[in-house]
Amino acid sequence: MCGDGMQKVAFRSKDDIQYIVGINVRRMCKDKNVNLMEFSEEIDISYEYLRHIVSLGGQKSLSFYSMYKIAKILGVTMDELCDGIFDDKNKQLKC
């Protein structure tokens, strides 16, 4: 615990999180044989934007609402979309 009673936590970067979520969405779409063009229409984002999300660089971020729609349509939980975000790097740091 830090002097003020709060614990200091290490956070992943925004880029890391975008990458992990994008890879998870890509894998889930592939596993379910989801056509990205049709899927982008269902979640109401452009195909080009979705391509950037699922690319190997995780070049675009998703709003919470878009993540919700993706999870709902794919039949997965938000936790499953975020699988891998909280591994290792979310350890407590010493003050």
N, C-alpha and C. Protein backbone atom coordinates (compact mmCIF):
# COMPACT_ATOMS: atom_id res chain seq x y z
N MET A 1 0.83 -1.18 0.00
CA MET A 1 0.00 0.00 0.00
C MET A 1 0.87 1.24 0.00
N CYS A 2 0.44 2.24 -0.71
CA CYS A 2 1.15 3.51 -0.73
C CYS A 2 0.81 4.29 0.53
N GLY A 3 1.52 5.36 0.77
CA GLY A 3 1.34 6.15 1.95
C GLY A 3 -0.08 6.65 2.16
N ASP A 4 -0.84 6.89 1.10
CA ASP A 4 -2.19 7.41 1.23
C ASP A 4 -3.24 6.30 1.31
N GLY A 5 -2.81 5.06 1.47
CA GLY A 5 -3.74 3.95 1.58
C GLY A 5 -4.15 3.34 0.24
N MET A 6 -3.71 3.93 -0.85
CA MET A 6 -4.04 3.42 -2.18
C MET A 6 -2.91 2.52 -2.67
N GLN A 7 -3.26 1.48 -3.40
CA GLN A 7 -2.26 0.62 -4.00
C GLN A 7 -1.93 1.13 -5.39
N LYS A 8 -0.66 1.11 -5.74
CA LYS A 8 -0.24 1.55 -7.06
C LYS A 8 -0.34 0.36 -8.01
N VAL A 9 -0.96 0.55 -9.15
CA VAL A 9 -1.21 -0.52 -10.11
C VAL A 9 -0.52 -0.20 -11.42
N ALA A 10 0.07 -1.21 -12.04
CA ALA A 10 0.66 -1.03 -13.37
C ALA A 10 -0.46 -1.22 -14.40
N PHE A 11 -0.53 -0.33 -15.36
CA PHE A 11 -1.55 -0.41 -16.39
C PHE A 11 -0.92 -0.72 -17.74
N ARG A 12 -1.65 -1.46 -18.55
CA ARG A 12 -1.23 -1.68 -19.94
C ARG A 12 -1.45 -0.39 -20.70
N SER A 13 -0.73 -0.23 -21.79
CA SER A 13 -0.94 0.95 -22.62
C SER A 13 -2.23 0.80 -23.42
N LYS A 14 -2.74 1.91 -23.90
CA LYS A 14 -3.94 1.90 -24.74
C LYS A 14 -3.69 1.05 -25.99
N ASP A 15 -2.48 1.17 -26.56
CA ASP A 15 -2.14 0.39 -27.75
C ASP A 15 -2.17 -1.11 -27.47
N ASP A 16 -1.66 -1.52 -26.31
CA ASP A 16 -1.68 -2.93 -25.94
C ASP A 16 -3.12 -3.45 -25.84
N ILE A 17 -3.98 -2.65 -25.22
CA ILE A 17 -5.37 -3.06 -25.03
C ILE A 17 -6.08 -3.16 -26.38
N GLN A 18 -5.88 -2.16 -27.24
CA GLN A 18 -6.49 -2.19 -28.58
C GLN A 18 -6.03 -3.44 -29.33
N TYR A 19 -4.75 -3.74 -29.24
CA TYR A 19 -4.19 -4.90 -29.92
C TYR A 19 -4.84 -6.19 -29.41
N ILE A 20 -4.91 -6.36 -28.11
CA ILE A 20 -5.46 -7.58 -27.51
C ILE A 20 -6.93 -7.75 -27.89
N VAL A 21 -7.72 -6.70 -27.75
CA VAL A 21 -9.15 -6.79 -28.09
C VAL A 21 -9.32 -7.07 -29.58
N GLY A 22 -8.53 -6.41 -30.41
CA GLY A 22 -8.61 -6.63 -31.85
C GLY A 22 -8.29 -8.07 -32.23
N ILE A 23 -7.24 -8.63 -31.62
CA ILE A 23 -6.87 -10.02 -31.89
C ILE A 23 -7.97 -10.97 -31.43
N ASN A 24 -8.57 -10.68 -30.28
CA ASN A 24 -9.66 -11.53 -29.78
C ASN A 24 -10.87 -11.48 -30.71
N VAL A 25 -11.22 -10.28 -31.17
CA VAL A 25 -12.35 -10.15 -32.11
C VAL A 25 -12.04 -10.90 -33.40
N ARG A 26 -10.83 -10.74 -33.90
CA ARG A 26 -10.43 -11.42 -35.13
C ARG A 26 -10.55 -12.94 -34.99
N ARG A 27 -10.02 -13.48 -33.88
CA ARG A 27 -10.06 -14.91 -33.63
C ARG A 27 -11.50 -15.42 -33.53
N MET A 28 -12.33 -14.68 -32.80
CA MET A 28 -13.71 -15.10 -32.60
C MET A 28 -14.50 -15.07 -33.92
N CYS A 29 -14.27 -14.05 -34.73
CA CYS A 29 -14.94 -13.99 -36.03
C CYS A 29 -14.49 -15.15 -36.91
N LYS A 30 -13.21 -15.44 -36.89
CA LYS A 30 -12.69 -16.54 -37.69
C LYS A 30 -13.25 -17.88 -37.21
N ASP A 31 -13.26 -18.08 -35.89
CA ASP A 31 -13.79 -19.33 -35.32
C ASP A 31 -15.25 -19.55 -35.66
N LYS A 32 -16.00 -18.47 -35.78
CA LYS A 32 -17.44 -18.56 -36.06
C LYS A 32 -17.77 -18.34 -37.53
N ASN A 33 -16.72 -18.29 -38.37
CA ASN A 33 -16.89 -18.07 -39.81
C ASN A 33 -17.76 -16.84 -40.11
N VAL A 34 -17.46 -15.75 -39.41
CA VAL A 34 -18.20 -14.51 -39.58
C VAL A 34 -17.56 -13.70 -40.70
N ASN A 35 -18.38 -13.28 -41.65
CA ASN A 35 -17.95 -12.42 -42.74
C ASN A 35 -17.81 -11.00 -42.19
N LEU A 36 -16.62 -10.43 -42.27
CA LEU A 36 -16.38 -9.11 -41.67
C LEU A 36 -17.22 -8.01 -42.30
N MET A 37 -17.48 -8.11 -43.60
CA MET A 37 -18.30 -7.09 -44.27
C MET A 37 -19.71 -7.09 -43.67
N GLU A 38 -20.32 -8.26 -43.56
CA GLU A 38 -21.67 -8.36 -43.00
C GLU A 38 -21.67 -8.00 -41.52
N PHE A 39 -20.63 -8.44 -40.82
CA PHE A 39 -20.52 -8.18 -39.39
C PHE A 39 -20.43 -6.68 -39.11
N SER A 40 -19.66 -5.97 -39.93
CA SER A 40 -19.53 -4.52 -39.74
C SER A 40 -20.89 -3.83 -39.89
N GLU A 41 -21.72 -4.32 -40.79
CA GLU A 41 -23.05 -3.75 -40.96
C GLU A 41 -23.91 -4.02 -39.73
N GLU A 42 -23.79 -5.23 -39.17
CA GLU A 42 -24.58 -5.59 -37.99
C GLU A 42 -24.23 -4.74 -36.78
N ILE A 43 -22.94 -4.42 -36.63
CA ILE A 43 -22.53 -3.63 -35.47
C ILE A 43 -22.49 -2.14 -35.77
N ASP A 44 -22.85 -1.79 -36.99
CA ASP A 44 -23.00 -0.39 -37.41
C ASP A 44 -21.69 0.39 -37.34
N ILE A 45 -20.61 -0.24 -37.84
CA ILE A 45 -19.36 0.49 -38.06
C ILE A 45 -18.90 0.15 -39.47
N SER A 46 -18.08 1.00 -40.03
CA SER A 46 -17.65 0.76 -41.40
C SER A 46 -16.75 -0.48 -41.48
N TYR A 47 -16.78 -1.11 -42.61
CA TYR A 47 -15.92 -2.28 -42.85
C TYR A 47 -14.45 -1.89 -42.69
N GLU A 48 -14.09 -0.73 -43.22
CA GLU A 48 -12.70 -0.26 -43.13
C GLU A 48 -12.28 -0.10 -41.66
N TYR A 49 -13.15 0.46 -40.85
CA TYR A 49 -12.84 0.64 -39.43
C TYR A 49 -12.68 -0.71 -38.75
N LEU A 50 -13.58 -1.65 -39.04
CA LEU A 50 -13.49 -3.00 -38.46
C LEU A 50 -12.20 -3.68 -38.88
N ARG A 51 -11.80 -3.50 -40.13
CA ARG A 51 -10.54 -4.08 -40.59
C ARG A 51 -9.36 -3.55 -39.79
N HIS A 52 -9.38 -2.28 -39.47
CA HIS A 52 -8.32 -1.69 -38.65
C HIS A 52 -8.34 -2.23 -37.22
N ILE A 53 -9.52 -2.52 -36.71
CA ILE A 53 -9.64 -3.07 -35.35
C ILE A 53 -9.03 -4.46 -35.28
N VAL A 54 -9.33 -5.29 -36.26
CA VAL A 54 -8.89 -6.69 -36.20
C VAL A 54 -7.53 -6.92 -36.86
N SER A 55 -6.92 -5.85 -37.37
CA SER A 55 -5.60 -6.02 -37.98
C SER A 55 -4.58 -6.36 -36.90
N LEU A 56 -3.45 -6.85 -37.31
CA LEU A 56 -2.44 -7.28 -36.35
C LEU A 56 -1.76 -6.14 -35.61
N GLY A 57 -2.18 -4.94 -35.85
CA GLY A 57 -1.61 -3.81 -35.11
C GLY A 57 -2.60 -3.19 -34.16
N GLY A 58 -3.85 -3.63 -34.21
CA GLY A 58 -4.87 -3.04 -33.37
C GLY A 58 -4.89 -1.53 -33.52
N GLN A 59 -4.98 -1.07 -34.77
CA GLN A 59 -4.77 0.35 -35.10
C GLN A 59 -5.91 1.27 -34.67
N LYS A 60 -7.06 0.73 -34.36
CA LYS A 60 -8.19 1.56 -33.96
C LYS A 60 -8.77 1.02 -32.66
N SER A 61 -9.35 1.92 -31.89
CA SER A 61 -9.97 1.49 -30.65
C SER A 61 -11.48 1.37 -30.83
N LEU A 62 -12.10 0.67 -29.92
CA LEU A 62 -13.54 0.47 -29.94
C LEU A 62 -14.17 1.21 -28.77
N SER A 63 -15.35 1.73 -28.99
CA SER A 63 -16.10 2.29 -27.87
C SER A 63 -16.65 1.12 -27.05
N PHE A 64 -17.00 1.41 -25.82
CA PHE A 64 -17.59 0.38 -24.97
C PHE A 64 -18.86 -0.15 -25.61
N TYR A 65 -19.66 0.73 -26.20
CA TYR A 65 -20.91 0.31 -26.84
C TYR A 65 -20.66 -0.61 -28.02
N SER A 66 -19.64 -0.31 -28.83
CA SER A 66 -19.29 -1.19 -29.95
C SER A 66 -18.82 -2.55 -29.45
N MET A 67 -18.04 -2.54 -28.37
CA MET A 67 -17.60 -3.82 -27.79
C MET A 67 -18.80 -4.62 -27.31
N TYR A 68 -19.75 -3.95 -26.70
CA TYR A 68 -20.98 -4.61 -26.24
C TYR A 68 -21.72 -5.25 -27.41
N LYS A 69 -21.87 -4.51 -28.50
CA LYS A 69 -22.58 -5.04 -29.67
C LYS A 69 -21.82 -6.23 -30.27
N ILE A 70 -20.50 -6.13 -30.34
CA ILE A 70 -19.70 -7.23 -30.87
C ILE A 70 -19.88 -8.47 -30.01
N ALA A 71 -19.79 -8.31 -28.70
CA ALA A 71 -19.95 -9.45 -27.79
C ALA A 71 -21.33 -10.07 -27.94
N LYS A 72 -22.34 -9.23 -28.00
CA LYS A 72 -23.73 -9.71 -28.10
C LYS A 72 -23.93 -10.51 -29.39
N ILE A 73 -23.48 -9.97 -30.50
CA ILE A 73 -23.68 -10.63 -31.80
C ILE A 73 -22.85 -11.92 -31.89
N LEU A 74 -21.63 -11.91 -31.35
CA LEU A 74 -20.79 -13.11 -31.40
C LEU A 74 -21.18 -14.14 -30.34
N GLY A 75 -22.03 -13.73 -29.40
CA GLY A 75 -22.46 -14.66 -28.35
C GLY A 75 -21.36 -14.93 -27.33
N VAL A 76 -20.54 -13.90 -27.04
CA VAL A 76 -19.47 -14.03 -26.06
C VAL A 76 -19.65 -12.95 -25.00
N THR A 77 -18.89 -13.06 -23.94
CA THR A 77 -18.95 -12.05 -22.88
C THR A 77 -17.94 -10.95 -23.15
N MET A 78 -18.12 -9.83 -22.47
CA MET A 78 -17.14 -8.75 -22.55
C MET A 78 -15.80 -9.25 -22.00
N ASP A 79 -15.86 -10.09 -20.97
CA ASP A 79 -14.62 -10.67 -20.42
C ASP A 79 -13.86 -11.45 -21.48
N GLU A 80 -14.58 -12.18 -22.32
CA GLU A 80 -13.92 -12.94 -23.37
C GLU A 80 -13.27 -12.02 -24.40
N LEU A 81 -13.92 -10.90 -24.71
CA LEU A 81 -13.32 -9.93 -25.63
C LEU A 81 -12.04 -9.34 -25.05
N CYS A 82 -12.00 -9.23 -23.73
CA CYS A 82 -10.85 -8.61 -23.05
C CYS A 82 -9.85 -9.65 -22.55
N ASP A 83 -10.03 -10.90 -22.92
CA ASP A 83 -9.14 -11.97 -22.45
C ASP A 83 -7.68 -11.64 -22.77
N GLY A 84 -6.86 -11.62 -21.75
CA GLY A 84 -5.44 -11.35 -21.92
C GLY A 84 -5.02 -9.97 -21.47
N ILE A 85 -5.97 -9.07 -21.29
CA ILE A 85 -5.63 -7.70 -20.90
C ILE A 85 -5.07 -7.65 -19.48
N PHE A 86 -5.63 -8.45 -18.60
CA PHE A 86 -5.27 -8.35 -17.19
C PHE A 86 -4.19 -9.34 -16.77
N ASP A 87 -3.56 -10.01 -17.71
CA ASP A 87 -2.49 -10.95 -17.39
C ASP A 87 -1.18 -10.22 -17.14
N ASP A 88 -0.41 -10.70 -16.21
CA ASP A 88 0.97 -10.27 -15.91
C ASP A 88 1.15 -8.80 -15.59
N LYS A 89 0.87 -7.92 -16.50
CA LYS A 89 1.22 -6.51 -16.32
C LYS A 89 0.33 -5.79 -15.31
N ASN A 90 -0.71 -6.43 -14.81
CA ASN A 90 -1.59 -5.76 -13.85
C ASN A 90 -1.21 -6.14 -12.42
N LYS A 91 0.05 -6.42 -12.18
CA LYS A 91 0.54 -6.76 -10.86
C LYS A 91 0.70 -5.49 -10.02
N GLN A 92 0.63 -5.66 -8.73
CA GLN A 92 0.81 -4.54 -7.82
C GLN A 92 2.27 -4.08 -7.84
N LEU A 93 2.48 -2.79 -7.83
CA LEU A 93 3.82 -2.22 -7.75
C LEU A 93 4.10 -1.79 -6.33
N LYS A 94 5.34 -1.87 -5.94
CA LYS A 94 5.72 -1.37 -4.61
C LYS A 94 5.90 0.14 -4.68
N CYS A 95 5.47 0.84 -3.65
CA CYS A 95 5.61 2.30 -3.58
C CYS A 95 6.98 2.67 -3.06
